[in-house]
mmCIF file of all heavy atoms, coordinates in Angstrom:
data_MODEL
# 
_entry.id   MODEL 
# 
loop_
_atom_site.group_PDB 
_atom_site.id 
_atom_site.type_symbol 
_atom_site.label_atom_id 
_atom_site.label_alt_id 
_atom_site.label_comp_id 
_atom_site.label_asym_id 
_atom_site.label_entity_id 
_atom_site.label_seq_id 
_atom_site.pdbx_PDB_ins_code 
_atom_site.Cartn_x 
_atom_site.Cartn_y 
_atom_site.Cartn_z 
_atom_site.occupancy 
_atom_site.B_iso_or_equiv 
_atom_site.pdbx_formal_charge 
_atom_site.auth_seq_id 
_atom_site.auth_comp_id 
_atom_site.auth_asym_id 
_atom_site.auth_atom_id 
_atom_site.pdbx_PDB_model_num 
ATOM 1   N N   . GLY A 1 1  ? 0.819   -1.201  0.000  1.00 0.00 ? 1  GLY A N   1 
ATOM 2   C CA  . GLY A 1 1  ? 0.000   0.000   0.000  1.00 0.00 ? 1  GLY A CA  1 
ATOM 3   C C   . GLY A 1 1  ? 0.855   1.253   0.000  1.00 0.00 ? 1  GLY A C   1 
ATOM 4   O O   . GLY A 1 1  ? 1.825   1.377   -0.747 1.00 0.00 ? 1  GLY A O   1 
ATOM 5   N N   . THR A 1 2  ? 0.488   2.186   0.872  1.00 0.00 ? 2  THR A N   1 
ATOM 6   C CA  . THR A 1 2  ? 1.207   3.460   0.934  1.00 0.00 ? 2  THR A CA  1 
ATOM 7   C C   . THR A 1 2  ? 2.329   3.441   1.965  1.00 0.00 ? 2  THR A C   1 
ATOM 8   O O   . THR A 1 2  ? 3.065   4.421   2.108  1.00 0.00 ? 2  THR A O   1 
ATOM 9   C CB  . THR A 1 2  ? 0.228   4.596   1.308  1.00 0.00 ? 2  THR A CB  1 
ATOM 10  O OG1 . THR A 1 2  ? -0.319  4.339   2.617  1.00 0.00 ? 2  THR A OG1 1 
ATOM 11  C CG2 . THR A 1 2  ? -0.904  4.694   0.290  1.00 0.00 ? 2  THR A CG2 1 
ATOM 12  N N   . GLY A 1 3  ? 2.447   2.332   2.720  1.00 0.00 ? 3  GLY A N   1 
ATOM 13  C CA  . GLY A 1 3  ? 3.457   2.270   3.776  1.00 0.00 ? 3  GLY A CA  1 
ATOM 14  C C   . GLY A 1 3  ? 3.029   2.983   5.044  1.00 0.00 ? 3  GLY A C   1 
ATOM 15  O O   . GLY A 1 3  ? 3.841   3.156   5.958  1.00 0.00 ? 3  GLY A O   1 
ATOM 16  N N   . CYS A 1 4  ? 1.747   3.393   5.126  1.00 0.00 ? 4  CYS A N   1 
ATOM 17  C CA  . CYS A 1 4  ? 1.195   4.025   6.330  1.00 0.00 ? 4  CYS A CA  1 
ATOM 18  C C   . CYS A 1 4  ? 0.086   3.113   6.876  1.00 0.00 ? 4  CYS A C   1 
ATOM 19  O O   . CYS A 1 4  ? -0.828  2.741   6.131  1.00 0.00 ? 4  CYS A O   1 
ATOM 20  C CB  . CYS A 1 4  ? 0.599   5.394   6.019  1.00 0.00 ? 4  CYS A CB  1 
ATOM 21  S SG  . CYS A 1 4  ? 1.777   6.572   5.334  1.00 0.00 ? 4  CYS A SG  1 
ATOM 22  N N   . VAL A 1 5  ? 0.157   2.773   8.149  1.00 0.00 ? 5  VAL A N   1 
ATOM 23  C CA  . VAL A 1 5  ? -0.807  1.838   8.752  1.00 0.00 ? 5  VAL A CA  1 
ATOM 24  C C   . VAL A 1 5  ? -1.475  2.497   9.952  1.00 0.00 ? 5  VAL A C   1 
ATOM 25  O O   . VAL A 1 5  ? -0.794  2.987   10.849 1.00 0.00 ? 5  VAL A O   1 
ATOM 26  C CB  . VAL A 1 5  ? -0.096  0.539   9.201  1.00 0.00 ? 5  VAL A CB  1 
ATOM 27  C CG1 . VAL A 1 5  ? -1.094  -0.423  9.835  1.00 0.00 ? 5  VAL A CG1 1 
ATOM 28  C CG2 . VAL A 1 5  ? 0.600   -0.126  8.015  1.00 0.00 ? 5  VAL A CG2 1 
ATOM 29  N N   . LYS A 1 6  ? -2.807  2.499   9.970  1.00 0.00 ? 6  LYS A N   1 
ATOM 30  C CA  . LYS A 1 6  ? -3.535  2.970   11.145 1.00 0.00 ? 6  LYS A CA  1 
ATOM 31  C C   . LYS A 1 6  ? -3.387  1.936   12.264 1.00 0.00 ? 6  LYS A C   1 
ATOM 32  O O   . LYS A 1 6  ? -3.447  0.730   12.019 1.00 0.00 ? 6  LYS A O   1 
ATOM 33  C CB  . LYS A 1 6  ? -5.014  3.239   10.826 1.00 0.00 ? 6  LYS A CB  1 
ATOM 34  C CG  . LYS A 1 6  ? -5.781  2.007   10.378 1.00 0.00 ? 6  LYS A CG  1 
ATOM 35  C CD  . LYS A 1 6  ? -7.188  2.362   9.885  1.00 0.00 ? 6  LYS A CD  1 
ATOM 36  C CE  . LYS A 1 6  ? -8.166  2.596   11.006 1.00 0.00 ? 6  LYS A CE  1 
ATOM 37  N NZ  . LYS A 1 6  ? -8.357  1.452   11.897 1.00 0.00 ? 6  LYS A NZ  1 
ATOM 38  N N   . ILE A 1 7  ? -3.194  2.392   13.487 1.00 0.00 ? 7  ILE A N   1 
ATOM 39  C CA  . ILE A 1 7  ? -2.966  1.502   14.627 1.00 0.00 ? 7  ILE A CA  1 
ATOM 40  C C   . ILE A 1 7  ? -4.134  1.634   15.607 1.00 0.00 ? 7  ILE A C   1 
ATOM 41  O O   . ILE A 1 7  ? -4.373  2.703   16.165 1.00 0.00 ? 7  ILE A O   1 
ATOM 42  C CB  . ILE A 1 7  ? -1.633  1.828   15.334 1.00 0.00 ? 7  ILE A CB  1 
ATOM 43  C CG1 . ILE A 1 7  ? -0.468  1.720   14.343 1.00 0.00 ? 7  ILE A CG1 1 
ATOM 44  C CG2 . ILE A 1 7  ? -1.417  0.909   16.533 1.00 0.00 ? 7  ILE A CG2 1 
ATOM 45  C CD1 . ILE A 1 7  ? -0.269  0.322   13.740 1.00 0.00 ? 7  ILE A CD1 1 
ATOM 46  N N   . THR A 1 8  ? -4.853  0.519   15.793 1.00 0.00 ? 8  THR A N   1 
ATOM 47  C CA  . THR A 1 8  ? -6.028  0.479   16.664 1.00 0.00 ? 8  THR A CA  1 
ATOM 48  C C   . THR A 1 8  ? -5.815  -0.623  17.699 1.00 0.00 ? 8  THR A C   1 
ATOM 49  O O   . THR A 1 8  ? -6.315  -1.738  17.540 1.00 0.00 ? 8  THR A O   1 
ATOM 50  C CB  . THR A 1 8  ? -7.307  0.217   15.835 1.00 0.00 ? 8  THR A CB  1 
ATOM 51  O OG1 . THR A 1 8  ? -7.304  1.052   14.677 1.00 0.00 ? 8  THR A OG1 1 
ATOM 52  C CG2 . THR A 1 8  ? -8.557  0.484   16.641 1.00 0.00 ? 8  THR A CG2 1 
ATOM 53  N N   . PRO A 1 9  ? -5.075  -0.357  18.768 1.00 0.00 ? 9  PRO A N   1 
ATOM 54  C CA  . PRO A 1 9  ? -4.662  -1.421  19.698 1.00 0.00 ? 9  PRO A CA  1 
ATOM 55  C C   . PRO A 1 9  ? -5.806  -2.150  20.381 1.00 0.00 ? 9  PRO A C   1 
ATOM 56  O O   . PRO A 1 9  ? -5.649  -3.311  20.778 1.00 0.00 ? 9  PRO A O   1 
ATOM 57  C CB  . PRO A 1 9  ? -3.806  -0.670  20.732 1.00 0.00 ? 9  PRO A CB  1 
ATOM 58  C CG  . PRO A 1 9  ? -3.375  0.583   20.051 1.00 0.00 ? 9  PRO A CG  1 
ATOM 59  C CD  . PRO A 1 9  ? -4.505  0.940   19.140 1.00 0.00 ? 9  PRO A CD  1 
ATOM 60  N N   . ALA A 1 10 ? -6.972  -1.501  20.527 1.00 0.00 ? 10 ALA A N   1 
ATOM 61  C CA  . ALA A 1 10 ? -8.077  -2.135  21.241 1.00 0.00 ? 10 ALA A CA  1 
ATOM 62  C C   . ALA A 1 10 ? -8.913  -3.049  20.358 1.00 0.00 ? 10 ALA A C   1 
ATOM 63  O O   . ALA A 1 10 ? -9.818  -3.723  20.853 1.00 0.00 ? 10 ALA A O   1 
ATOM 64  C CB  . ALA A 1 10 ? -8.976  -1.068  21.874 1.00 0.00 ? 10 ALA A CB  1 
ATOM 65  N N   . HIS A 1 11 ? -8.601  -3.120  19.034 1.00 0.00 ? 11 HIS A N   1 
ATOM 66  C CA  . HIS A 1 11 ? -9.457  -3.897  18.137 1.00 0.00 ? 11 HIS A CA  1 
ATOM 67  C C   . HIS A 1 11 ? -8.684  -4.674  17.074 1.00 0.00 ? 11 HIS A C   1 
ATOM 68  O O   . HIS A 1 11 ? -9.253  -5.051  16.051 1.00 0.00 ? 11 HIS A O   1 
ATOM 69  C CB  . HIS A 1 11 ? -10.494 -2.977  17.479 1.00 0.00 ? 11 HIS A CB  1 
ATOM 70  C CG  . HIS A 1 11 ? -11.425 -2.358  18.473 1.00 0.00 ? 11 HIS A CG  1 
ATOM 71  N ND1 . HIS A 1 11 ? -12.443 -3.057  19.065 1.00 0.00 ? 11 HIS A ND1 1 
ATOM 72  C CD2 . HIS A 1 11 ? -11.443 -1.112  19.028 1.00 0.00 ? 11 HIS A CD2 1 
ATOM 73  C CE1 . HIS A 1 11 ? -13.078 -2.263  19.932 1.00 0.00 ? 11 HIS A CE1 1 
ATOM 74  N NE2 . HIS A 1 11 ? -12.482 -1.088  19.930 1.00 0.00 ? 11 HIS A NE2 1 
ATOM 75  N N   . ASP A 1 12 ? -7.399  -4.911  17.319 1.00 0.00 ? 12 ASP A N   1 
ATOM 76  C CA  . ASP A 1 12 ? -6.595  -5.684  16.369 1.00 0.00 ? 12 ASP A CA  1 
ATOM 77  C C   . ASP A 1 12 ? -5.399  -6.261  17.120 1.00 0.00 ? 12 ASP A C   1 
ATOM 78  O O   . ASP A 1 12 ? -4.721  -5.540  17.856 1.00 0.00 ? 12 ASP A O   1 
ATOM 79  C CB  . ASP A 1 12 ? -6.123  -4.798  15.216 1.00 0.00 ? 12 ASP A CB  1 
ATOM 80  C CG  . ASP A 1 12 ? -5.326  -5.565  14.179 1.00 0.00 ? 12 ASP A CG  1 
ATOM 81  O OD1 . ASP A 1 12 ? -4.115  -5.759  14.385 1.00 0.00 ? 12 ASP A OD1 1 
ATOM 82  O OD2 . ASP A 1 12 ? -5.929  -5.984  13.178 1.00 0.00 ? 12 ASP A OD2 1 
ATOM 83  N N   . PHE A 1 13 ? -5.143  -7.559  16.937 1.00 0.00 ? 13 PHE A N   1 
ATOM 84  C CA  . PHE A 1 13 ? -4.084  -8.216  17.723 1.00 0.00 ? 13 PHE A CA  1 
ATOM 85  C C   . PHE A 1 13 ? -2.688  -7.716  17.353 1.00 0.00 ? 13 PHE A C   1 
ATOM 86  O O   . PHE A 1 13 ? -1.834  -7.540  18.233 1.00 0.00 ? 13 PHE A O   1 
ATOM 87  C CB  . PHE A 1 13 ? -4.182  -9.744  17.562 1.00 0.00 ? 13 PHE A CB  1 
ATOM 88  C CG  . PHE A 1 13 ? -5.347  -10.338 18.299 1.00 0.00 ? 13 PHE A CG  1 
ATOM 89  C CD1 . PHE A 1 13 ? -6.517  -10.662 17.626 1.00 0.00 ? 13 PHE A CD1 1 
ATOM 90  C CD2 . PHE A 1 13 ? -5.289  -10.548 19.669 1.00 0.00 ? 13 PHE A CD2 1 
ATOM 91  C CE1 . PHE A 1 13 ? -7.606  -11.201 18.304 1.00 0.00 ? 13 PHE A CE1 1 
ATOM 92  C CE2 . PHE A 1 13 ? -6.370  -11.083 20.364 1.00 0.00 ? 13 PHE A CE2 1 
ATOM 93  C CZ  . PHE A 1 13 ? -7.528  -11.404 19.671 1.00 0.00 ? 13 PHE A CZ  1 
ATOM 94  N N   . ASN A 1 14 ? -2.434  -7.487  16.073 1.00 0.00 ? 14 ASN A N   1 
ATOM 95  C CA  . ASN A 1 14 ? -1.130  -6.947  15.679 1.00 0.00 ? 14 ASN A CA  1 
ATOM 96  C C   . ASN A 1 14 ? -0.954  -5.521  16.189 1.00 0.00 ? 14 ASN A C   1 
ATOM 97  O O   . ASN A 1 14 ? 0.108   -5.147  16.688 1.00 0.00 ? 14 ASN A O   1 
ATOM 98  C CB  . ASN A 1 14 ? -0.976  -6.983  14.152 1.00 0.00 ? 14 ASN A CB  1 
ATOM 99  C CG  . ASN A 1 14 ? -0.857  -8.395  13.615 1.00 0.00 ? 14 ASN A CG  1 
ATOM 100 O OD1 . ASN A 1 14 ? -0.216  -9.245  14.221 1.00 0.00 ? 14 ASN A OD1 1 
ATOM 101 N ND2 . ASN A 1 14 ? -1.498  -8.659  12.496 1.00 0.00 ? 14 ASN A ND2 1 
ATOM 102 N N   . ASP A 1 15 ? -2.013  -4.716  16.046 1.00 0.00 ? 15 ASP A N   1 
ATOM 103 C CA  . ASP A 1 15 ? -1.955  -3.333  16.531 1.00 0.00 ? 15 ASP A CA  1 
ATOM 104 C C   . ASP A 1 15 ? -1.765  -3.289  18.044 1.00 0.00 ? 15 ASP A C   1 
ATOM 105 O O   . ASP A 1 15 ? -1.128  -2.364  18.578 1.00 0.00 ? 15 ASP A O   1 
ATOM 106 C CB  . ASP A 1 15 ? -3.238  -2.587  16.158 1.00 0.00 ? 15 ASP A CB  1 
ATOM 107 C CG  . ASP A 1 15 ? -3.368  -2.350  14.657 1.00 0.00 ? 15 ASP A CG  1 
ATOM 108 O OD1 . ASP A 1 15 ? -2.493  -2.835  13.904 1.00 0.00 ? 15 ASP A OD1 1 
ATOM 109 O OD2 . ASP A 1 15 ? -4.335  -1.706  14.230 1.00 0.00 ? 15 ASP A OD2 1 
ATOM 110 N N   . TYR A 1 16 ? -2.326  -4.271  18.737 1.00 0.00 ? 16 TYR A N   1 
ATOM 111 C CA  . TYR A 1 16 ? -2.188  -4.358  20.197 1.00 0.00 ? 16 TYR A CA  1 
ATOM 112 C C   . TYR A 1 16 ? -0.714  -4.447  20.592 1.00 0.00 ? 16 TYR A C   1 
ATOM 113 O O   . TYR A 1 16 ? -0.252  -3.769  21.517 1.00 0.00 ? 16 TYR A O   1 
ATOM 114 C CB  . TYR A 1 16 ? -2.964  -5.576  20.690 1.00 0.00 ? 16 TYR A CB  1 
ATOM 115 C CG  . TYR A 1 16 ? -2.922  -5.836  22.175 1.00 0.00 ? 16 TYR A CG  1 
ATOM 116 C CD1 . TYR A 1 16 ? -3.604  -5.021  23.073 1.00 0.00 ? 16 TYR A CD1 1 
ATOM 117 C CD2 . TYR A 1 16 ? -2.223  -6.937  22.681 1.00 0.00 ? 16 TYR A CD2 1 
ATOM 118 C CE1 . TYR A 1 16 ? -3.589  -5.283  24.440 1.00 0.00 ? 16 TYR A CE1 1 
ATOM 119 C CE2 . TYR A 1 16 ? -2.197  -7.202  24.046 1.00 0.00 ? 16 TYR A CE2 1 
ATOM 120 C CZ  . TYR A 1 16 ? -2.887  -6.373  24.914 1.00 0.00 ? 16 TYR A CZ  1 
ATOM 121 O OH  . TYR A 1 16 ? -2.864  -6.635  26.258 1.00 0.00 ? 16 TYR A OH  1 
ATOM 122 N N   . GLU A 1 17 ? 0.046   -5.254  19.837 1.00 0.00 ? 17 GLU A N   1 
ATOM 123 C CA  . GLU A 1 17 ? 1.481   -5.398  20.124 1.00 0.00 ? 17 GLU A CA  1 
ATOM 124 C C   . GLU A 1 17 ? 2.234   -4.101  19.794 1.00 0.00 ? 17 GLU A C   1 
ATOM 125 O O   . GLU A 1 17 ? 3.133   -3.694  20.540 1.00 0.00 ? 17 GLU A O   1 
ATOM 126 C CB  . GLU A 1 17 ? 2.068   -6.579  19.331 1.00 0.00 ? 17 GLU A CB  1 
ATOM 127 C CG  . GLU A 1 17 ? 1.485   -7.937  19.709 1.00 0.00 ? 17 GLU A CG  1 
ATOM 128 C CD  . GLU A 1 17 ? 1.692   -8.270  21.176 1.00 0.00 ? 17 GLU A CD  1 
ATOM 129 O OE1 . GLU A 1 17 ? 2.761   -7.907  21.736 1.00 0.00 ? 17 GLU A OE1 1 
ATOM 130 O OE2 . GLU A 1 17 ? 0.789   -8.886  21.775 1.00 0.00 ? 17 GLU A OE2 1 
ATOM 131 N N   . VAL A 1 18 ? 1.860   -3.454  18.681 1.00 0.00 ? 18 VAL A N   1 
ATOM 132 C CA  . VAL A 1 18 ? 2.472   -2.167  18.338 1.00 0.00 ? 18 VAL A CA  1 
ATOM 133 C C   . VAL A 1 18 ? 2.170   -1.146  19.437 1.00 0.00 ? 18 VAL A C   1 
ATOM 134 O O   . VAL A 1 18 ? 3.042   -0.389  19.876 1.00 0.00 ? 18 VAL A O   1 
ATOM 135 C CB  . VAL A 1 18 ? 1.964   -1.647  16.975 1.00 0.00 ? 18 VAL A CB  1 
ATOM 136 C CG1 . VAL A 1 18 ? 2.519   -0.253  16.690 1.00 0.00 ? 18 VAL A CG1 1 
ATOM 137 C CG2 . VAL A 1 18 ? 2.354   -2.609  15.849 1.00 0.00 ? 18 VAL A CG2 1 
ATOM 138 N N   . GLY A 1 19 ? 0.931   -1.122  19.876 1.00 0.00 ? 19 GLY A N   1 
ATOM 139 C CA  . GLY A 1 19 ? 0.521   -0.191  20.923 1.00 0.00 ? 19 GLY A CA  1 
ATOM 140 C C   . GLY A 1 19 ? 1.319   -0.374  22.202 1.00 0.00 ? 19 GLY A C   1 
ATOM 141 O O   . GLY A 1 19 ? 1.715   0.615   22.849 1.00 0.00 ? 19 GLY A O   1 
ATOM 142 N N   . LYS A 1 20 ? 1.585   -1.640  22.564 1.00 0.00 ? 20 LYS A N   1 
ATOM 143 C CA  . LYS A 1 20 ? 2.382   -1.902  23.774 1.00 0.00 ? 20 LYS A CA  1 
ATOM 144 C C   . LYS A 1 20 ? 3.807   -1.378  23.610 1.00 0.00 ? 20 LYS A C   1 
ATOM 145 O O   . LYS A 1 20 ? 4.378   -0.812  24.547 1.00 0.00 ? 20 LYS A O   1 
ATOM 146 C CB  . LYS A 1 20 ? 2.388   -3.406  24.092 1.00 0.00 ? 20 LYS A CB  1 
ATOM 147 C CG  . LYS A 1 20 ? 1.094   -3.909  24.685 1.00 0.00 ? 20 LYS A CG  1 
ATOM 148 C CD  . LYS A 1 20 ? 1.247   -5.255  25.371 1.00 0.00 ? 20 LYS A CD  1 
ATOM 149 C CE  . LYS A 1 20 ? 1.595   -6.354  24.403 1.00 0.00 ? 20 LYS A CE  1 
ATOM 150 N NZ  . LYS A 1 20 ? 1.586   -7.687  25.060 1.00 0.00 ? 20 LYS A NZ  1 
ATOM 151 N N   . ARG A 1 21 ? 4.372   -1.558  22.407 1.00 0.00 ? 21 ARG A N   1 
ATOM 152 C CA  . ARG A 1 21 ? 5.751   -1.109  22.176 1.00 0.00 ? 21 ARG A CA  1 
ATOM 153 C C   . ARG A 1 21 ? 5.883   0.406   22.298 1.00 0.00 ? 21 ARG A C   1 
ATOM 154 O O   . ARG A 1 21 ? 6.942   0.912   22.686 1.00 0.00 ? 21 ARG A O   1 
ATOM 155 C CB  . ARG A 1 21 ? 6.241   -1.580  20.800 1.00 0.00 ? 21 ARG A CB  1 
ATOM 156 C CG  . ARG A 1 21 ? 6.538   -3.062  20.735 1.00 0.00 ? 21 ARG A CG  1 
ATOM 157 C CD  . ARG A 1 21 ? 7.361   -3.416  19.505 1.00 0.00 ? 21 ARG A CD  1 
ATOM 158 N NE  . ARG A 1 21 ? 6.637   -3.329  18.265 1.00 0.00 ? 21 ARG A NE  1 
ATOM 159 C CZ  . ARG A 1 21 ? 5.916   -4.318  17.732 1.00 0.00 ? 21 ARG A CZ  1 
ATOM 160 N NH1 . ARG A 1 21 ? 5.799   -5.474  18.388 1.00 0.00 ? 21 ARG A NH1 1 
ATOM 161 N NH2 . ARG A 1 21 ? 5.308   -4.169  16.570 1.00 0.00 ? 21 ARG A NH2 1 
ATOM 162 N N   . HIS A 1 22 ? 4.829   1.129   21.943 1.00 0.00 ? 22 HIS A N   1 
ATOM 163 C CA  . HIS A 1 22 ? 4.907   2.593   21.930 1.00 0.00 ? 22 HIS A CA  1 
ATOM 164 C C   . HIS A 1 22 ? 4.098   3.234   23.063 1.00 0.00 ? 22 HIS A C   1 
ATOM 165 O O   . HIS A 1 22 ? 3.923   4.455   23.067 1.00 0.00 ? 22 HIS A O   1 
ATOM 166 C CB  . HIS A 1 22 ? 4.432   3.119   20.572 1.00 0.00 ? 22 HIS A CB  1 
ATOM 167 C CG  . HIS A 1 22 ? 5.296   2.674   19.428 1.00 0.00 ? 22 HIS A CG  1 
ATOM 168 N ND1 . HIS A 1 22 ? 6.453   3.337   19.063 1.00 0.00 ? 22 HIS A ND1 1 
ATOM 169 C CD2 . HIS A 1 22 ? 5.197   1.608   18.587 1.00 0.00 ? 22 HIS A CD2 1 
ATOM 170 C CE1 . HIS A 1 22 ? 7.004   2.710   18.034 1.00 0.00 ? 22 HIS A CE1 1 
ATOM 171 N NE2 . HIS A 1 22 ? 6.265   1.655   17.729 1.00 0.00 ? 22 HIS A NE2 1 
ATOM 172 N N   . ALA A 1 23 ? 3.628   2.409   23.997 1.00 0.00 ? 23 ALA A N   1 
ATOM 173 C CA  . ALA A 1 23 ? 2.861   2.896   25.153 1.00 0.00 ? 23 ALA A CA  1 
ATOM 174 C C   . ALA A 1 23 ? 1.687   3.776   24.713 1.00 0.00 ? 23 ALA A C   1 
ATOM 175 O O   . ALA A 1 23 ? 1.430   4.837   25.281 1.00 0.00 ? 23 ALA A O   1 
ATOM 176 C CB  . ALA A 1 23 ? 3.773   3.655   26.124 1.00 0.00 ? 23 ALA A CB  1 
ATOM 177 N N   . LEU A 1 24 ? 0.966   3.325   23.693 1.00 0.00 ? 24 LEU A N   1 
ATOM 178 C CA  . LEU A 1 24 ? -0.174  4.077   23.182 1.00 0.00 ? 24 LEU A CA  1 
ATOM 179 C C   . LEU A 1 24 ? -1.420  3.794   24.016 1.00 0.00 ? 24 LEU A C   1 
ATOM 180 O O   . LEU A 1 24 ? -1.637  2.651   24.439 1.00 0.00 ? 24 LEU A O   1 
ATOM 181 C CB  . LEU A 1 24 ? -0.460  3.690   21.727 1.00 0.00 ? 24 LEU A CB  1 
ATOM 182 C CG  . LEU A 1 24 ? 0.637   3.962   20.703 1.00 0.00 ? 24 LEU A CG  1 
ATOM 183 C CD1 . LEU A 1 24 ? 0.264   3.333   19.365 1.00 0.00 ? 24 LEU A CD1 1 
ATOM 184 C CD2 . LEU A 1 24 ? 0.860   5.470   20.539 1.00 0.00 ? 24 LEU A CD2 1 
ATOM 185 N N   . PRO A 1 25 ? -2.258  4.783   24.251 1.00 0.00 ? 25 PRO A N   1 
ATOM 186 C CA  . PRO A 1 25 ? -3.540  4.503   24.897 1.00 0.00 ? 25 PRO A CA  1 
ATOM 187 C C   . PRO A 1 25 ? -4.388  3.625   23.976 1.00 0.00 ? 25 PRO A C   1 
ATOM 188 O O   . PRO A 1 25 ? -4.288  3.701   22.747 1.00 0.00 ? 25 PRO A O   1 
ATOM 189 C CB  . PRO A 1 25 ? -4.165  5.888   25.091 1.00 0.00 ? 25 PRO A CB  1 
ATOM 190 C CG  . PRO A 1 25 ? -3.476  6.770   24.106 1.00 0.00 ? 25 PRO A CG  1 
ATOM 191 C CD  . PRO A 1 25 ? -2.101  6.207   23.917 1.00 0.00 ? 25 PRO A CD  1 
# 
């Protein structure tokens, strides 16, 4: 795609791991 990915840690397992790495709410 465009190389830009939306991160939704509360609704996606991969995003959840990204969110933990960056301490995202």
